[in-house]
Amino acid sequence: MDRLQAMKVFIRVAESGSFSRAADMLSIPRASATIVIQQLEAHLKVRLLQRTTRRLSLTTSGAAYYERCVRILADIDDAESAIDMTSQSPRGKLRIDMPTLLGRLIVMPALFEFMAQYPDIELMVGFGDRPVDLIQEGVDCAIRIGVLQDSTLVARRLGDYQAVTVASPAYLARNGVPLTLADLDKHVAVNYFWGRHGRLMEMTFVVDGHSTSMKIPGALAVNDTDAYMAGCLRGAGIIQAPLCTAAEYLQSGELVELLKQWKPMSMPISVVYPQHRHLSPTLRVFVDWVAELFENHPLLQQSAQKRAAANKKPHVRSIAVAETAGS
C-alpha cells in the first residue's frame, strides 16, 4: 500500500463524504478508492469512517487521523514547492468557480494573459451564481460576492460590488419616475431568482446608514444576468444592476438611474479557498494575479469613483422614506 496515496484518498473521501466523488476528483475508479480505505483501516487497525446507507462520517479516530494527514501532506507540498519555485514555473490543474457576471466582464478577457504567463497550469473554470461547496465539489478556489458565511474558508478581498437602481426611459414614460422608496409601491420590477427553489432577490437601499429590503412585484423573473438586463432594457420593469454592467447604458441614455440618494448596500468581492488546503504555488499565483486584476480593472475603479463621489453629497431623507423604512 502506498501510504501517501492512501492519505490523499482518505482526505478526499472525508471531505467529500463520498467514495464516488473522491474517486472522480482523483481520477481513479470508485472500487480503487474503497479498497484503499479498507487497506488503510486494516493497516491502522482502527475504523476511520462510519458508513451508513445515506452518508459517510469520520469516527473519533478518523477525525484525529484526518488532521494529521492534512498537516503531513501540506509539509510534503511545502518541500516540493520550495524546489519547484527555484527550478520551474508553477504547474498542475486548478479548478476555479466564479459568478457569471464577473467572469464574463472581468476575468475571461484577461485570463489568456494569465495562461500565457503560466503555460504549465491547466485551468478548469466554472461560471454560475450558485455558491458551490468547494470541498465536496473539488474546487480549489472561488470568487464570491457578499459577506462570507463559511468560516472554513480563507478569503482575500478583491474589491466592492456596487449596484444601481435603474429603469429604461420607455418604462418611466409609461409609469412615471419614483422619487421616494414609498413610490415603488406603484411600480413593477424584473425580478431575479436564486437556485432551484425560486427565491426572489429583494431590492436593498441604504437609509441613514442602514440597509433596508423591499419586495417589488413583477410579471417577469429570471435567473440569468443577461436576461435580467435585457428585460429592463425592453421596459419590463425596474432592476438593481451591477454598476460595472449598467455604466455603458447609463452613459448612452438607454437606462436611467433612480433613487440616487438611497443606493443599494455595496458588497465585498473576495477570492476564497479552504483554510486547511495548502496554498500551492499554482493557487498562489492565481490568487495574486486575480487580486491585481480586480485592483486595477477600469470597470471596478469606475464603480469605486462613483461611490466615493456619491458619499460626498449631502444626505437627504424624506418623510415618505422614513415611513417605508420603519414599516
C-alpha atoms as a PDB file:
ATOM      1  CA  MET A   1       0.000   0.000   0.000  1.00  0.00           C
ATOM      2  CA  ASP A   2       1.230   3.477  -0.968  1.00  0.00           C
ATOM      3  CA  ARG A   3       0.605   5.232   2.341  1.00  0.00           C
ATOM      4  CA  LEU A   4       0.864   8.756   0.955  1.00  0.00           C
ATOM      5  CA  GLN A   5      -1.629   7.953  -1.787  1.00  0.00           C
ATOM      6  CA  ALA A   6      -3.855   6.306   0.814  1.00  0.00           C
ATOM      7  CA  MET A   7      -3.763   9.522   2.867  1.00  0.00           C
ATOM      8  CA  LYS A   8      -4.762  11.549  -0.194  1.00  0.00           C
ATOM      9  CA  VAL A   9      -7.671   9.212  -0.909  1.00  0.00           C
ATOM     10  CA  PHE A  10      -8.752   9.286   2.746  1.00  0.00           C
ATOM     11  CA  ILE A  11      -8.716  13.105   2.826  1.00  0.00           C
ATOM     12  CA  ARG A  12     -10.812  13.332  -0.327  1.00  0.00           C
ATOM     13  CA  VAL A  13     -13.329  10.770   0.945  1.00  0.00           C
ATOM     14  CA  ALA A  14     -13.562  12.541   4.294  1.00  0.00           C
ATOM     15  CA  GLU A  15     -14.038  15.974   2.712  1.00  0.00           C
ATOM     16  CA  SER A  16     -16.489  14.950   0.013  1.00  0.00           C
ATOM     17  CA  GLY A  17     -18.415  12.421   2.110  1.00  0.00           C
ATOM     18  CA  SER A  18     -18.495  10.058  -0.844  1.00  0.00           C
ATOM     19  CA  PHE A  19     -16.274   7.379  -2.360  1.00  0.00           C
ATOM     20  CA  SER A  20     -17.611   8.208  -5.823  1.00  0.00           C
ATOM     21  CA  ARG A  21     -16.895  11.946  -5.592  1.00  0.00           C
ATOM     22  CA  ALA A  22     -13.456  11.302  -4.126  1.00  0.00           C
ATOM     23  CA  ALA A  23     -12.640   8.868  -6.928  1.00  0.00           C
ATOM     24  CA  ASP A  24     -13.773  11.397  -9.554  1.00  0.00           C
ATOM     25  CA  MET A  25     -11.603  14.128  -8.011  1.00  0.00           C
ATOM     26  CA  LEU A  26      -8.566  11.826  -8.017  1.00  0.00           C
ATOM     27  CA  SER A  27      -9.339  10.278 -11.436  1.00  0.00           C
ATOM     28  CA  ILE A  28      -9.343   6.730 -10.071  1.00  0.00           C
ATOM     29  CA  PRO A  29     -12.032   4.007 -10.178  1.00  0.00           C
ATOM     30  CA  ARG A  30     -14.547   4.040  -7.319  1.00  0.00           C
ATOM     31  CA  ALA A  31     -13.625   0.479  -6.424  1.00  0.00           C
ATOM     32  CA  SER A  32      -9.997   1.555  -6.002  1.00  0.00           C
ATOM     33  CA  ALA A  33     -10.982   4.286  -3.521  1.00  0.00           C
ATOM     34  CA  THR A  34     -12.973   1.780  -1.478  1.00  0.00           C
ATOM     35  CA  ILE A  35     -10.127  -0.766  -1.464  1.00  0.00           C
ATOM     36  CA  VAL A  36      -7.545   1.865  -0.450  1.00  0.00           C
ATOM     37  CA  ILE A  37      -9.619   2.905   2.572  1.00  0.00           C
ATOM     38  CA  GLN A  38     -10.167  -0.722   3.576  1.00  0.00           C
ATOM     39  CA  GLN A  39      -6.411  -1.384   3.361  1.00  0.00           C
ATOM     40  CA  LEU A  40      -5.659   1.783   5.334  1.00  0.00           C
ATOM     41  CA  GLU A  41      -8.079   0.816   8.105  1.00  0.00           C
ATOM     42  CA  ALA A  42      -6.601  -2.701   8.200  1.00  0.00           C
ATOM     43  CA  HIS A  43      -3.079  -1.262   8.408  1.00  0.00           C
ATOM     44  CA  LEU A  44      -4.041   1.113  11.244  1.00  0.00           C
ATOM     45  CA  LYS A  45      -6.256  -1.482  12.935  1.00  0.00           C
ATOM     46  CA  VAL A  46      -8.957   1.125  13.502  1.00  0.00           C
ATOM     47  CA  ARG A  47     -12.148   2.241  11.775  1.00  0.00           C
ATOM     48  CA  LEU A  48     -11.741   5.689  10.205  1.00  0.00           C
ATOM     49  CA  LEU A  49     -15.155   6.140   8.617  1.00  0.00           C
ATOM     50  CA  GLN A  50     -18.651   5.433   9.853  1.00  0.00           C
ATOM     51  CA  ARG A  51     -20.677   4.129   6.913  1.00  0.00           C
ATOM     52  CA  THR A  52     -24.469   4.314   6.666  1.00  0.00           C
ATOM     53  CA  THR A  53     -26.802   3.931   3.705  1.00  0.00           C
ATOM     54  CA  ARG A  54     -27.036   7.716   3.337  1.00  0.00           C
ATOM     55  CA  ARG A  55     -23.704   9.203   4.322  1.00  0.00           C
ATOM     56  CA  LEU A  56     -20.115   8.770   5.436  1.00  0.00           C
ATOM     57  CA  SER A  57     -18.791  10.424   8.577  1.00  0.00           C
ATOM     58  CA  LEU A  58     -15.483  10.392  10.434  1.00  0.00           C
ATOM     59  CA  THR A  59     -15.091   8.378  13.597  1.00  0.00           C
ATOM     60  CA  THR A  60     -13.234   9.966  16.509  1.00  0.00           C
ATOM     61  CA  SER A  61     -10.047   8.184  15.410  1.00  0.00           C
ATOM     62  CA  GLY A  62     -10.741   9.149  11.817  1.00  0.00           C
ATOM     63  CA  ALA A  63     -11.063  12.842  12.703  1.00  0.00           C
ATOM     64  CA  ALA A  64      -7.734  12.796  14.559  1.00  0.00           C
ATOM     65  CA  TYR A  65      -6.031  10.930  11.711  1.00  0.00           C
ATOM     66  CA  TYR A  66      -7.519  13.339   9.156  1.00  0.00           C
ATOM     67  CA  GLU A  67      -5.944  16.372  10.868  1.00  0.00           C
ATOM     68  CA  ARG A  68      -2.524  14.647  10.926  1.00  0.00           C
ATOM     69  CA  CYS A  69      -2.814  13.641   7.259  1.00  0.00           C
ATOM     70  CA  VAL A  70      -3.601  17.210   6.216  1.00  0.00           C
ATOM     71  CA  ARG A  71      -0.516  18.508   8.035  1.00  0.00           C
ATOM     72  CA  ILE A  72       1.757  15.749   6.683  1.00  0.00           C
ATOM     73  CA  LEU A  73       0.715  16.282   3.074  1.00  0.00           C
ATOM     74  CA  ALA A  74       0.986  20.067   3.482  1.00  0.00           C
ATOM     75  CA  ASP A  75       4.580  19.638   4.718  1.00  0.00           C
ATOM     76  CA  ILE A  76       5.368  17.463   1.714  1.00  0.00           C
ATOM     77  CA  ASP A  77       3.843  20.047  -0.622  1.00  0.00           C
ATOM     78  CA  ASP A  78       5.906  22.750   1.096  1.00  0.00           C
ATOM     79  CA  ALA A  79       9.097  20.803   0.489  1.00  0.00           C
ATOM     80  CA  GLU A  80       8.247  20.146  -3.150  1.00  0.00           C
ATOM     81  CA  SER A  81       7.098  23.728  -3.688  1.00  0.00           C
ATOM     82  CA  ALA A  82      10.408  25.075  -2.407  1.00  0.00           C
ATOM     83  CA  ILE A  83      12.162  23.076  -5.107  1.00  0.00           C
ATOM     84  CA  ASP A  84       9.564  23.930  -7.769  1.00  0.00           C
ATOM     85  CA  MET A  85       9.919  27.652  -7.150  1.00  0.00           C
ATOM     86  CA  THR A  86      13.640  27.517  -7.802  1.00  0.00           C
ATOM     87  CA  SER A  87      13.574  25.081 -10.692  1.00  0.00           C
ATOM     88  CA  GLN A  88      10.416  25.634 -12.711  1.00  0.00           C
ATOM     89  CA  SER A  89       7.229  27.641 -13.092  1.00  0.00           C
ATOM     90  CA  PRO A  90       4.003  26.632 -11.294  1.00  0.00           C
ATOM     91  CA  ARG A  91       2.271  23.673 -12.892  1.00  0.00           C
ATOM     92  CA  GLY A  92      -0.738  21.439 -12.430  1.00  0.00           C
ATOM     93  CA  LYS A  93      -4.522  21.609 -12.543  1.00  0.00           C
ATOM     94  CA  LEU A  94      -6.521  24.422 -10.977  1.00  0.00           C
ATOM     95  CA  ARG A  95     -10.309  24.345 -10.692  1.00  0.00           C
ATOM     96  CA  ILE A  96     -11.977  27.737 -10.200  1.00  0.00           C
ATOM     97  CA  ASP A  97     -15.580  28.887  -9.806  1.00  0.00           C
ATOM     98  CA  MET A  98     -16.951  32.423 -10.151  1.00  0.00           C
ATOM     99  CA  PRO A  99     -20.166  34.392 -10.778  1.00  0.00           C
ATOM    100  CA  THR A 100     -21.065  34.594 -14.463  1.00  0.00           C
ATOM    101  CA  LEU A 101     -21.062  38.394 -14.480  1.00  0.00           C
ATOM    102  CA  LEU A 102     -17.560  38.812 -13.035  1.00  0.00           C
ATOM    103  CA  GLY A 103     -16.239  36.002 -15.194  1.00  0.00           C
ATOM    104  CA  ARG A 104     -17.621  37.456 -18.407  1.00  0.00           C
ATOM    105  CA  LEU A 105     -16.762  41.101 -17.801  1.00  0.00           C
ATOM    106  CA  ILE A 106     -13.513  40.967 -15.838  1.00  0.00           C
ATOM    107  CA  VAL A 107     -11.796  37.594 -15.610  1.00  0.00           C
ATOM    108  CA  MET A 108     -12.213  35.952 -19.015  1.00  0.00           C
ATOM    109  CA  PRO A 109     -10.990  38.895 -21.150  1.00  0.00           C
ATOM    110  CA  ALA A 110      -7.697  38.827 -19.203  1.00  0.00           C
ATOM    111  CA  LEU A 111      -7.417  35.108 -18.451  1.00  0.00           C
ATOM    112  CA  PHE A 112      -5.496  34.323 -21.627  1.00  0.00           C
ATOM    113  CA  GLU A 113      -2.721  36.629 -20.411  1.00  0.00           C
ATOM    114  CA  PHE A 114      -2.522  34.503 -17.256  1.00  0.00           C
ATOM    115  CA  MET A 115      -2.376  31.343 -19.400  1.00  0.00           C
ATOM    116  CA  ALA A 116       0.432  32.798 -21.485  1.00  0.00           C
ATOM    117  CA  GLN A 117       2.358  33.711 -18.337  1.00  0.00           C
ATOM    118  CA  TYR A 118       1.846  30.270 -16.760  1.00  0.00           C
ATOM    119  CA  PRO A 119       1.600  27.782 -19.659  1.00  0.00           C
ATOM    120  CA  ASP A 120       2.014  24.737 -17.376  1.00  0.00           C
ATOM    121  CA  ILE A 121      -1.169  25.459 -15.393  1.00  0.00           C
ATOM    122  CA  GLU A 122      -4.275  23.660 -16.631  1.00  0.00           C
ATOM    123  CA  LEU A 123      -7.438  25.618 -15.785  1.00  0.00           C
ATOM    124  CA  MET A 124     -10.994  24.379 -15.303  1.00  0.00           C
ATOM    125  CA  VAL A 125     -13.230  27.434 -14.876  1.00  0.00           C
ATOM    126  CA  GLY A 126     -16.870  27.196 -13.822  1.00  0.00           C
ATOM    127  CA  PHE A 127     -19.421  30.011 -14.083  1.00  0.00           C
ATOM    128  CA  GLY A 128     -22.675  30.358 -12.162  1.00  0.00           C
ATOM    129  CA  ASP A 129     -24.455  32.278  -9.440  1.00  0.00           C
ATOM    130  CA  ARG A 130     -24.986  29.241  -7.197  1.00  0.00           C
ATOM    131  CA  PRO A 131     -22.375  29.107  -4.400  1.00  0.00           C
ATOM    132  CA  VAL A 132     -20.529  25.802  -4.799  1.00  0.00           C
ATOM    133  CA  ASP A 133     -19.239  23.694  -1.929  1.00  0.00           C
ATOM    134  CA  LEU A 134     -15.512  23.949  -2.585  1.00  0.00           C
ATOM    135  CA  ILE A 135     -14.613  20.829  -0.622  1.00  0.00           C
ATOM    136  CA  GLN A 136     -17.380  18.500  -1.779  1.00  0.00           C
ATOM    137  CA  GLU A 137     -17.095  19.586  -5.415  1.00  0.00           C
ATOM    138  CA  GLY A 138     -13.292  19.603  -5.519  1.00  0.00           C
ATOM    139  CA  VAL A 139     -12.947  23.312  -6.349  1.00  0.00           C
ATOM    140  CA  ASP A 140      -9.591  24.884  -5.479  1.00  0.00           C
ATOM    141  CA  CYS A 141     -10.821  28.465  -5.175  1.00  0.00           C
ATOM    142  CA  ALA A 142     -13.817  30.636  -5.965  1.00  0.00           C
ATOM    143  CA  ILE A 143     -14.654  34.282  -6.463  1.00  0.00           C
ATOM    144  CA  ARG A 144     -17.685  35.294  -4.423  1.00  0.00           C
ATOM    145  CA  ILE A 145     -19.833  38.367  -3.898  1.00  0.00           C
ATOM    146  CA  GLY A 146     -21.196  39.196  -0.450  1.00  0.00           C
ATOM    147  CA  VAL A 147     -20.411  38.565   3.201  1.00  0.00           C
ATOM    148  CA  LEU A 148     -18.921  35.092   3.627  1.00  0.00           C
ATOM    149  CA  GLN A 149     -20.832  32.710   5.888  1.00  0.00           C
ATOM    150  CA  ASP A 150     -18.404  29.747   5.753  1.00  0.00           C
ATOM    151  CA  SER A 151     -15.729  30.078   8.458  1.00  0.00           C
ATOM    152  CA  THR A 152     -13.714  27.203   6.958  1.00  0.00           C
ATOM    153  CA  LEU A 153     -12.679  29.375   4.014  1.00  0.00           C
ATOM    154  CA  VAL A 154      -9.761  31.778   3.723  1.00  0.00           C
ATOM    155  CA  ALA A 155     -10.793  34.999   1.969  1.00  0.00           C
ATOM    156  CA  ARG A 156      -8.790  37.676   0.212  1.00  0.00           C
ATOM    157  CA  ARG A 157     -10.687  40.891  -0.551  1.00  0.00           C
ATOM    158  CA  LEU A 158     -10.678  41.816  -4.234  1.00  0.00           C
ATOM    159  CA  GLY A 159     -12.912  44.861  -4.268  1.00  0.00           C
ATOM    160  CA  ASP A 160     -16.513  46.016  -3.894  1.00  0.00           C
ATOM    161  CA  TYR A 161     -19.664  45.146  -5.791  1.00  0.00           C
ATOM    162  CA  GLN A 162     -21.916  48.188  -6.203  1.00  0.00           C
ATOM    163  CA  ALA A 163     -25.390  48.042  -7.720  1.00  0.00           C
ATOM    164  CA  VAL A 164     -27.609  50.856  -9.013  1.00  0.00           C
ATOM    165  CA  THR A 165     -31.385  51.084  -9.317  1.00  0.00           C
ATOM    166  CA  VAL A 166     -32.294  51.612 -12.971  1.00  0.00           C
ATOM    167  CA  ALA A 167     -35.132  51.554 -15.493  1.00  0.00           C
ATOM    168  CA  SER A 168     -35.495  52.285 -19.188  1.00  0.00           C
ATOM    169  CA  PRO A 169     -36.862  55.608 -20.478  1.00  0.00           C
ATOM    170  CA  ALA A 170     -39.768  53.703 -22.070  1.00  0.00           C
ATOM    171  CA  TYR A 171     -40.773  52.188 -18.732  1.00  0.00           C
ATOM    172  CA  LEU A 172     -40.543  55.562 -16.964  1.00  0.00           C
ATOM    173  CA  ALA A 173     -42.620  57.239 -19.697  1.00  0.00           C
ATOM    174  CA  ARG A 174     -45.417  54.735 -19.036  1.00  0.00           C
ATOM    175  CA  ASN A 175     -45.189  54.525 -15.261  1.00  0.00           C
ATOM    176  CA  GLY A 176     -43.603  57.752 -14.037  1.00  0.00           C
ATOM    177  CA  VAL A 177     -40.378  58.293 -12.097  1.00  0.00           C
ATOM    178  CA  PRO A 178     -40.283  57.116  -8.449  1.00  0.00           C
ATOM    179  CA  LEU A 179     -38.931  59.909  -6.239  1.00  0.00           C
ATOM    180  CA  THR A 180     -39.059  58.103  -2.883  1.00  0.00           C
ATOM    181  CA  LEU A 181     -38.944  54.498  -1.760  1.00  0.00           C
ATOM    182  CA  ALA A 182     -42.651  54.715  -0.953  1.00  0.00           C
ATOM    183  CA  ASP A 183     -43.309  55.431  -4.649  1.00  0.00           C
ATOM    184  CA  LEU A 184     -42.036  51.936  -5.508  1.00  0.00           C
ATOM    185  CA  ASP A 185     -45.398  50.544  -4.340  1.00  0.00           C
ATOM    186  CA  LYS A 186     -46.793  51.820  -7.657  1.00  0.00           C
ATOM    187  CA  HIS A 187     -44.093  50.168  -9.784  1.00  0.00           C
ATOM    188  CA  VAL A 188     -43.068  46.714 -11.024  1.00  0.00           C
ATOM    189  CA  ALA A 189     -39.684  45.035 -11.249  1.00  0.00           C
ATOM    190  CA  VAL A 190     -37.895  42.489 -13.344  1.00  0.00           C
ATOM    191  CA  ASN A 191     -37.073  40.088 -10.536  1.00  0.00           C
ATOM    192  CA  TYR A 192     -34.064  37.807 -10.173  1.00  0.00           C
ATOM    193  CA  PHE A 193     -34.491  34.417  -8.533  1.00  0.00           C
ATOM    194  CA  TRP A 194     -31.916  32.165  -6.877  1.00  0.00           C
ATOM    195  CA  GLY A 195     -31.387  28.442  -7.334  1.00  0.00           C
ATOM    196  CA  ARG A 196     -33.880  25.666  -7.806  1.00  0.00           C
ATOM    197  CA  HIS A 197     -36.304  26.956  -5.167  1.00  0.00           C
ATOM    198  CA  GLY A 198     -37.032  30.214  -6.960  1.00  0.00           C
ATOM    199  CA  ARG A 199     -36.381  32.592  -4.050  1.00  0.00           C
ATOM    200  CA  LEU A 200     -36.642  36.165  -5.380  1.00  0.00           C
ATOM    201  CA  MET A 201     -33.839  38.620  -4.710  1.00  0.00           C
ATOM    202  CA  GLU A 202     -35.118  41.631  -2.794  1.00  0.00           C
ATOM    203  CA  MET A 203     -34.090  45.164  -3.661  1.00  0.00           C
ATOM    204  CA  THR A 204     -31.964  46.858  -0.999  1.00  0.00           C
ATOM    205  CA  PHE A 205     -31.488  50.521  -0.170  1.00  0.00           C
ATOM    206  CA  VAL A 206     -29.252  52.283   2.357  1.00  0.00           C
ATOM    207  CA  VAL A 207     -31.325  54.595   4.556  1.00  0.00           C
ATOM    208  CA  ASP A 208     -29.440  56.563   7.231  1.00  0.00           C
ATOM    209  CA  GLY A 209     -26.544  54.135   7.075  1.00  0.00           C
ATOM    210  CA  HIS A 210     -28.713  51.013   7.387  1.00  0.00           C
ATOM    211  CA  SER A 211     -29.771  48.630   4.656  1.00  0.00           C
ATOM    212  CA  THR A 212     -33.499  48.086   4.128  1.00  0.00           C
ATOM    213  CA  SER A 213     -35.024  45.466   1.826  1.00  0.00           C
ATOM    214  CA  MET A 214     -38.134  45.683  -0.334  1.00  0.00           C
ATOM    215  CA  LYS A 215     -40.069  43.173  -2.403  1.00  0.00           C
ATOM    216  CA  ILE A 216     -41.366  44.690  -5.623  1.00  0.00           C
ATOM    217  CA  PRO A 217     -43.840  42.619  -7.666  1.00  0.00           C
ATOM    218  CA  GLY A 218     -43.383  41.948 -11.352  1.00  0.00           C
ATOM    219  CA  ALA A 219     -44.611  39.723 -14.160  1.00  0.00           C
ATOM    220  CA  LEU A 220     -41.101  38.560 -15.121  1.00  0.00           C
ATOM    221  CA  ALA A 221     -38.456  36.770 -13.044  1.00  0.00           C
ATOM    222  CA  VAL A 222     -35.204  35.322 -14.422  1.00  0.00           C
ATOM    223  CA  ASN A 223     -32.066  33.639 -13.094  1.00  0.00           C
ATOM    224  CA  ASP A 224     -29.611  34.869 -15.710  1.00  0.00           C
ATOM    225  CA  THR A 225     -27.810  38.219 -15.517  1.00  0.00           C
ATOM    226  CA  ASP A 226     -28.015  38.890 -19.264  1.00  0.00           C
ATOM    227  CA  ALA A 227     -31.771  38.176 -19.321  1.00  0.00           C
ATOM    228  CA  TYR A 228     -32.190  40.355 -16.227  1.00  0.00           C
ATOM    229  CA  MET A 229     -30.608  43.319 -18.003  1.00  0.00           C
ATOM    230  CA  ALA A 230     -32.439  42.602 -21.274  1.00  0.00           C
ATOM    231  CA  GLY A 231     -35.814  42.675 -19.517  1.00  0.00           C
ATOM    232  CA  CYS A 232     -35.044  46.062 -18.040  1.00  0.00           C
ATOM    233  CA  LEU A 233     -33.812  47.485 -21.348  1.00  0.00           C
ATOM    234  CA  ARG A 234     -37.068  46.364 -23.001  1.00  0.00           C
ATOM    235  CA  GLY A 235     -39.093  48.233 -20.382  1.00  0.00           C
ATOM    236  CA  ALA A 236     -40.426  45.276 -18.381  1.00  0.00           C
ATOM    237  CA  GLY A 237     -39.586  46.849 -15.013  1.00  0.00           C
ATOM    238  CA  ILE A 238     -37.066  48.308 -12.576  1.00  0.00           C
ATOM    239  CA  ILE A 239     -33.927  46.364 -11.620  1.00  0.00           C
ATOM    240  CA  GLN A 240     -30.874  46.768  -9.415  1.00  0.00           C
ATOM    241  CA  ALA A 241     -27.995  46.136 -11.790  1.00  0.00           C
ATOM    242  CA  PRO A 242     -24.242  45.936 -11.138  1.00  0.00           C
ATOM    243  CA  LEU A 243     -22.745  49.358 -11.832  1.00  0.00           C
ATOM    244  CA  CYS A 244     -19.985  47.762 -13.904  1.00  0.00           C
ATOM    245  CA  THR A 245     -22.698  46.409 -16.255  1.00  0.00           C
ATOM    246  CA  ALA A 246     -25.075  49.351 -16.203  1.00  0.00           C
ATOM    247  CA  ALA A 247     -22.432  52.081 -16.728  1.00  0.00           C
ATOM    248  CA  GLU A 248     -22.433  51.904 -20.534  1.00  0.00           C
ATOM    249  CA  TYR A 249     -26.259  52.004 -20.705  1.00  0.00           C
ATOM    250  CA  LEU A 250     -26.419  54.931 -18.288  1.00  0.00           C
ATOM    251  CA  GLN A 251     -23.899  56.810 -20.410  1.00  0.00           C
ATOM    252  CA  SER A 252     -25.814  56.098 -23.646  1.00  0.00           C
ATOM    253  CA  GLY A 253     -29.178  57.019 -22.120  1.00  0.00           C
ATOM    254  CA  GLU A 254     -30.664  53.523 -22.565  1.00  0.00           C
ATOM    255  CA  LEU A 255     -31.071  53.347 -18.780  1.00  0.00           C
ATOM    256  CA  VAL A 256     -31.811  55.984 -16.144  1.00  0.00           C
ATOM    257  CA  GLU A 257     -30.562  55.738 -12.551  1.00  0.00           C
ATOM    258  CA  LEU A 258     -33.310  56.080  -9.941  1.00  0.00           C
ATOM    259  CA  LEU A 259     -33.362  56.970  -6.243  1.00  0.00           C
ATOM    260  CA  LYS A 260     -29.710  58.017  -6.269  1.00  0.00           C
ATOM    261  CA  GLN A 261     -29.753  59.146  -2.632  1.00  0.00           C
ATOM    262  CA  TRP A 262     -30.663  55.616  -1.461  1.00  0.00           C
ATOM    263  CA  LYS A 263     -28.190  53.367  -3.241  1.00  0.00           C
ATOM    264  CA  PRO A 264     -28.049  49.615  -2.615  1.00  0.00           C
ATOM    265  CA  MET A 265     -25.569  48.465   0.031  1.00  0.00           C
ATOM    266  CA  SER A 266     -22.190  47.652  -1.530  1.00  0.00           C
ATOM    267  CA  MET A 267     -20.900  44.100  -1.001  1.00  0.00           C
ATOM    268  CA  PRO A 268     -17.360  42.721  -0.852  1.00  0.00           C
ATOM    269  CA  ILE A 269     -15.886  40.673  -3.678  1.00  0.00           C
ATOM    270  CA  SER A 270     -13.471  38.000  -2.419  1.00  0.00           C
ATOM    271  CA  VAL A 271     -11.419  35.089  -3.678  1.00  0.00           C
ATOM    272  CA  VAL A 272     -11.772  32.164  -1.250  1.00  0.00           C
ATOM    273  CA  TYR A 273     -10.189  28.756  -0.711  1.00  0.00           C
ATOM    274  CA  PRO A 274     -10.387  26.114   2.062  1.00  0.00           C
ATOM    275  CA  GLN A 275      -8.240  27.064   5.059  1.00  0.00           C
ATOM    276  CA  HIS A 276      -6.862  23.569   5.560  1.00  0.00           C
ATOM    277  CA  ARG A 277      -5.752  23.279   1.942  1.00  0.00           C
ATOM    278  CA  HIS A 278      -2.121  24.062   1.279  1.00  0.00           C
ATOM    279  CA  LEU A 279      -1.713  27.258  -0.746  1.00  0.00           C
ATOM    280  CA  SER A 280       0.273  25.684  -3.558  1.00  0.00           C
ATOM    281  CA  PRO A 281       2.386  27.771  -5.948  1.00  0.00           C
ATOM    282  CA  THR A 282      -0.274  27.185  -8.613  1.00  0.00           C
ATOM    283  CA  LEU A 283      -3.065  28.510  -6.419  1.00  0.00           C
ATOM    284  CA  ARG A 284      -0.881  31.297  -5.026  1.00  0.00           C
ATOM    285  CA  VAL A 285      -0.032  32.761  -8.435  1.00  0.00           C
ATOM    286  CA  PHE A 286      -3.685  32.731  -9.477  1.00  0.00           C
ATOM    287  CA  VAL A 287      -4.839  34.421  -6.267  1.00  0.00           C
ATOM    288  CA  ASP A 288      -2.141  37.089  -6.640  1.00  0.00           C
ATOM    289  CA  TRP A 289      -2.975  37.573 -10.323  1.00  0.00           C
ATOM    290  CA  VAL A 290      -6.729  37.924  -9.824  1.00  0.00           C
ATOM    291  CA  ALA A 291      -6.199  40.335  -6.894  1.00  0.00           C
ATOM    292  CA  GLU A 292      -4.084  42.606  -9.116  1.00  0.00           C
ATOM    293  CA  LEU A 293      -6.604  42.282 -11.950  1.00  0.00           C
ATOM    294  CA  PHE A 294      -9.522  43.447  -9.779  1.00  0.00           C
ATOM    295  CA  GLU A 295      -7.487  46.210  -8.145  1.00  0.00           C
ATOM    296  CA  ASN A 296      -6.622  47.799 -11.498  1.00  0.00           C
ATOM    297  CA  HIS A 297      -9.711  46.975 -13.581  1.00  0.00           C
ATOM    298  CA  PRO A 298     -11.329  50.143 -15.030  1.00  0.00           C
ATOM    299  CA  LEU A 299     -14.905  48.895 -14.503  1.00  0.00           C
ATOM    300  CA  LEU A 300     -14.337  48.410 -10.779  1.00  0.00           C
ATOM    301  CA  GLN A 301     -12.331  51.628 -10.461  1.00  0.00           C
ATOM    302  CA  GLN A 302     -15.211  53.476 -12.081  1.00  0.00           C
ATOM    303  CA  SER A 303     -17.613  51.933  -9.556  1.00  0.00           C
ATOM    304  CA  ALA A 304     -15.377  52.992  -6.670  1.00  0.00           C
ATOM    305  CA  GLN A 305     -15.049  56.541  -8.017  1.00  0.00           C
ATOM    306  CA  LYS A 306     -18.813  56.918  -8.454  1.00  0.00           C
ATOM    307  CA  ARG A 307     -19.441  55.578  -4.958  1.00  0.00           C
ATOM    308  CA  ALA A 308     -16.877  57.972  -3.435  1.00  0.00           C
ATOM    309  CA  ALA A 309     -18.441  60.928  -5.269  1.00  0.00           C
ATOM    310  CA  ALA A 310     -21.905  59.929  -4.044  1.00  0.00           C
ATOM    311  CA  ASN A 311     -20.692  59.717  -0.459  1.00  0.00           C
ATOM    312  CA  LYS A 312     -19.559  63.363  -0.596  1.00  0.00           C
ATOM    313  CA  LYS A 313     -23.063  64.599  -1.430  1.00  0.00           C
ATOM    314  CA  PRO A 314     -25.323  65.804   1.413  1.00  0.00           C
ATOM    315  CA  HIS A 315     -27.656  63.100   2.694  1.00  0.00           C
ATOM    316  CA  VAL A 316     -31.370  63.856   2.224  1.00  0.00           C
ATOM    317  CA  ARG A 317     -34.177  61.789   3.654  1.00  0.00           C
ATOM    318  CA  SER A 318     -37.873  62.400   3.060  1.00  0.00           C
ATOM    319  CA  ILE A 319     -40.785  61.683   5.378  1.00  0.00           C
ATOM    320  CA  ALA A 320     -42.084  59.094   2.884  1.00  0.00           C
ATOM    321  CA  VAL A 321     -38.810  57.179   3.074  1.00  0.00           C
ATOM    322  CA  ALA A 322     -38.856  57.230   6.863  1.00  0.00           C
ATOM    323  CA  GLU A 323     -42.284  55.615   6.820  1.00  0.00           C
ATOM    324  CA  THR A 324     -41.137  52.966   4.334  1.00  0.00           C
ATOM    325  CA  ALA A 325     -38.042  52.085   6.308  1.00  0.00           C
ATOM    326  CA  GLY A 326     -39.987  51.738   9.529  1.00  0.00           C
ATOM    327  CA  SER A 327     -42.799  49.620   8.106  1.00  0.00           C
END
